[in-house]
Amino acid sequence: MHGRRRVWVHSYRIVPPQPTRRLDAIRALLTHEHTAAQKDARTWASRLVLERRATRILIVSDSADQRAVDHRLADEVRRLQATFTLTVPVEISLGAGRGTTAPS
């Protein structure tokens, strides 16, 4: 359909939860991925969510294949002496209709 595009959404759950001061390397990695995607005119956005029981990273991308970033994030989580789980990417369709916006 014209006016619709598909993106993939997945998330990471890091335990134990990490204080913001320990997430600088992960924040830098996420910023790097977003900048690289912008240069290549791709969709890639993330959100770091600090919760009481876990730290979450939410990612929206135009590709389900995120193995490269998954490996880099896994390395950083190991450096923090934490563990993480990763959801399976879920494909969603973004419409061009009112109230629907595409991630940047």
C-alpha atoms as a PDB file:
ATOM      1  CA  MET A   1       0.000   0.000   0.000  1.00  0.00           C
ATOM      2  CA  HIS A   2       1.193   3.464  -0.834  1.00  0.00           C
ATOM      3  CA  GLY A   3       1.917   5.663   2.192  1.00  0.00           C
ATOM      4  CA  ARG A   4       2.724   2.792   4.507  1.00  0.00           C
ATOM      5  CA  ARG A   5       6.106   1.546   5.534  1.00  0.00           C
ATOM      6  CA  ARG A   6       7.228  -1.306   7.697  1.00  0.00           C
ATOM      7  CA  VAL A   7       9.606  -1.172  10.620  1.00  0.00           C
ATOM      8  CA  TRP A   8      10.844  -3.679  13.161  1.00  0.00           C
ATOM      9  CA  VAL A   9      10.575  -3.169  16.910  1.00  0.00           C
ATOM     10  CA  HIS A  10      12.457  -5.066  19.583  1.00  0.00           C
ATOM     11  CA  SER A  11      13.791  -4.481  23.064  1.00  0.00           C
ATOM     12  CA  TYR A  12      16.509  -5.456  25.471  1.00  0.00           C
ATOM     13  CA  ARG A  13      16.035  -5.993  29.200  1.00  0.00           C
ATOM     14  CA  ILE A  14      19.186  -5.568  31.278  1.00  0.00           C
ATOM     15  CA  VAL A  15      19.356  -6.878  34.842  1.00  0.00           C
ATOM     16  CA  PRO A  16      20.268  -5.784  37.367  1.00  0.00           C
ATOM     17  CA  PRO A  17      19.092  -2.251  36.515  1.00  0.00           C
ATOM     18  CA  GLN A  18      21.963   0.104  35.792  1.00  0.00           C
ATOM     19  CA  PRO A  19      22.393   3.610  37.176  1.00  0.00           C
ATOM     20  CA  THR A  20      22.575   6.284  34.507  1.00  0.00           C
ATOM     21  CA  ARG A  21      26.269   6.991  35.155  1.00  0.00           C
ATOM     22  CA  ARG A  22      27.168   3.426  34.104  1.00  0.00           C
ATOM     23  CA  LEU A  23      25.370   3.640  30.761  1.00  0.00           C
ATOM     24  CA  ASP A  24      27.625   6.123  28.960  1.00  0.00           C
ATOM     25  CA  ALA A  25      29.152   3.506  26.633  1.00  0.00           C
ATOM     26  CA  ILE A  26      25.737   2.079  25.758  1.00  0.00           C
ATOM     27  CA  ARG A  27      24.357   5.572  25.190  1.00  0.00           C
ATOM     28  CA  ALA A  28      27.295   6.341  22.879  1.00  0.00           C
ATOM     29  CA  LEU A  29      26.748   3.093  20.954  1.00  0.00           C
ATOM     30  CA  LEU A  30      23.047   3.897  20.454  1.00  0.00           C
ATOM     31  CA  THR A  31      23.871   7.423  19.293  1.00  0.00           C
ATOM     32  CA  HIS A  32      26.447   6.046  16.853  1.00  0.00           C
ATOM     33  CA  GLU A  33      23.915   3.599  15.380  1.00  0.00           C
ATOM     34  CA  HIS A  34      21.338   6.356  14.956  1.00  0.00           C
ATOM     35  CA  THR A  35      23.847   8.680  13.268  1.00  0.00           C
ATOM     36  CA  ALA A  36      25.034   5.930  10.905  1.00  0.00           C
ATOM     37  CA  ALA A  37      21.431   5.141   9.951  1.00  0.00           C
ATOM     38  CA  GLN A  38      20.711   8.802   9.235  1.00  0.00           C
ATOM     39  CA  LYS A  39      23.743   9.021   6.945  1.00  0.00           C
ATOM     40  CA  ASP A  40      22.465   5.989   5.014  1.00  0.00           C
ATOM     41  CA  ALA A  41      18.837   7.274   4.961  1.00  0.00           C
ATOM     42  CA  ARG A  42      17.716   4.319   7.091  1.00  0.00           C
ATOM     43  CA  THR A  43      15.315   4.208  10.017  1.00  0.00           C
ATOM     44  CA  TRP A  44      16.945   3.450  13.357  1.00  0.00           C
ATOM     45  CA  ALA A  45      15.916   4.936  16.692  1.00  0.00           C
ATOM     46  CA  SER A  46      16.342   3.875  20.290  1.00  0.00           C
ATOM     47  CA  ARG A  47      15.130   4.774  23.725  1.00  0.00           C
ATOM     48  CA  LEU A  48      16.907   3.955  26.963  1.00  0.00           C
ATOM     49  CA  VAL A  49      14.424   3.392  29.796  1.00  0.00           C
ATOM     50  CA  LEU A  50      15.599   3.240  33.392  1.00  0.00           C
ATOM     51  CA  GLU A  51      13.237   1.204  35.546  1.00  0.00           C
ATOM     52  CA  ARG A  52      13.332   0.008  39.106  1.00  0.00           C
ATOM     53  CA  ARG A  53      13.830  -3.681  38.246  1.00  0.00           C
ATOM     54  CA  ALA A  54      15.588  -3.449  34.884  1.00  0.00           C
ATOM     55  CA  THR A  55      17.083  -1.143  32.313  1.00  0.00           C
ATOM     56  CA  ARG A  56      15.401  -1.397  28.927  1.00  0.00           C
ATOM     57  CA  ILE A  57      16.500  -0.422  25.457  1.00  0.00           C
ATOM     58  CA  LEU A  58      13.745  -0.056  22.886  1.00  0.00           C
ATOM     59  CA  ILE A  59      14.752  -0.065  19.205  1.00  0.00           C
ATOM     60  CA  VAL A  60      12.825   0.729  16.030  1.00  0.00           C
ATOM     61  CA  SER A  61      14.581  -0.104  12.770  1.00  0.00           C
ATOM     62  CA  ASP A  62      13.881  -0.686   9.096  1.00  0.00           C
ATOM     63  CA  SER A  63      15.605  -4.084   9.357  1.00  0.00           C
ATOM     64  CA  ALA A  64      15.004  -7.110  11.564  1.00  0.00           C
ATOM     65  CA  ASP A  65      18.687  -8.026  11.281  1.00  0.00           C
ATOM     66  CA  GLN A  66      20.408  -6.209  14.125  1.00  0.00           C
ATOM     67  CA  ARG A  67      23.124  -8.794  14.809  1.00  0.00           C
ATOM     68  CA  ALA A  68      25.996  -6.299  14.655  1.00  0.00           C
ATOM     69  CA  VAL A  69      24.487  -3.945  17.214  1.00  0.00           C
ATOM     70  CA  ASP A  70      23.314  -6.927  19.291  1.00  0.00           C
ATOM     71  CA  HIS A  71      26.923  -8.128  19.593  1.00  0.00           C
ATOM     72  CA  ARG A  72      28.200  -4.681  20.554  1.00  0.00           C
ATOM     73  CA  LEU A  73      25.435  -4.235  23.136  1.00  0.00           C
ATOM     74  CA  ALA A  74      26.096  -7.715  24.549  1.00  0.00           C
ATOM     75  CA  ASP A  75      29.777  -6.825  24.980  1.00  0.00           C
ATOM     76  CA  GLU A  76      28.855  -3.655  26.872  1.00  0.00           C
ATOM     77  CA  VAL A  77      26.365  -5.473  29.099  1.00  0.00           C
ATOM     78  CA  ARG A  78      29.024  -8.068  29.979  1.00  0.00           C
ATOM     79  CA  ARG A  79      31.396  -5.223  30.829  1.00  0.00           C
ATOM     80  CA  LEU A  80      28.749  -4.010  33.295  1.00  0.00           C
ATOM     81  CA  GLN A  81      28.597  -7.536  34.780  1.00  0.00           C
ATOM     82  CA  ALA A  82      24.898  -7.727  33.980  1.00  0.00           C
ATOM     83  CA  THR A  83      22.778  -9.972  31.780  1.00  0.00           C
ATOM     84  CA  PHE A  84      20.221  -9.160  29.137  1.00  0.00           C
ATOM     85  CA  THR A  85      17.334 -10.687  27.294  1.00  0.00           C
ATOM     86  CA  LEU A  86      16.337  -9.699  23.802  1.00  0.00           C
ATOM     87  CA  THR A  87      12.859  -9.865  22.357  1.00  0.00           C
ATOM     88  CA  VAL A  88      12.206 -11.235  18.899  1.00  0.00           C
ATOM     89  CA  PRO A  89      11.828  -8.378  16.385  1.00  0.00           C
ATOM     90  CA  VAL A  90       8.184  -7.644  15.583  1.00  0.00           C
ATOM     91  CA  GLU A  91       7.264  -6.098  12.255  1.00  0.00           C
ATOM     92  CA  ILE A  92       4.762  -3.250  12.331  1.00  0.00           C
ATOM     93  CA  SER A  93       3.278  -1.112   9.595  1.00  0.00           C
ATOM     94  CA  LEU A  94       3.350   2.650   9.956  1.00  0.00           C
ATOM     95  CA  GLY A  95       0.495   4.330   8.162  1.00  0.00           C
ATOM     96  CA  ALA A  96       0.497   7.773   6.644  1.00  0.00           C
ATOM     97  CA  GLY A  97      -2.852   8.562   8.239  1.00  0.00           C
ATOM     98  CA  ARG A  98      -3.689  11.125  10.875  1.00  0.00           C
ATOM     99  CA  GLY A  99      -2.090  10.506  14.249  1.00  0.00           C
ATOM    100  CA  THR A 100       0.509   8.098  12.917  1.00  0.00           C
ATOM    101  CA  THR A 101       4.105   9.189  12.765  1.00  0.00           C
ATOM    102  CA  ALA A 102       7.238   7.436  11.667  1.00  0.00           C
ATOM    103  CA  PRO A 103      10.170   7.232  14.067  1.00  0.00           C
ATOM    104  CA  SER A 104      13.152   9.368  13.227  1.00  0.00           C
END
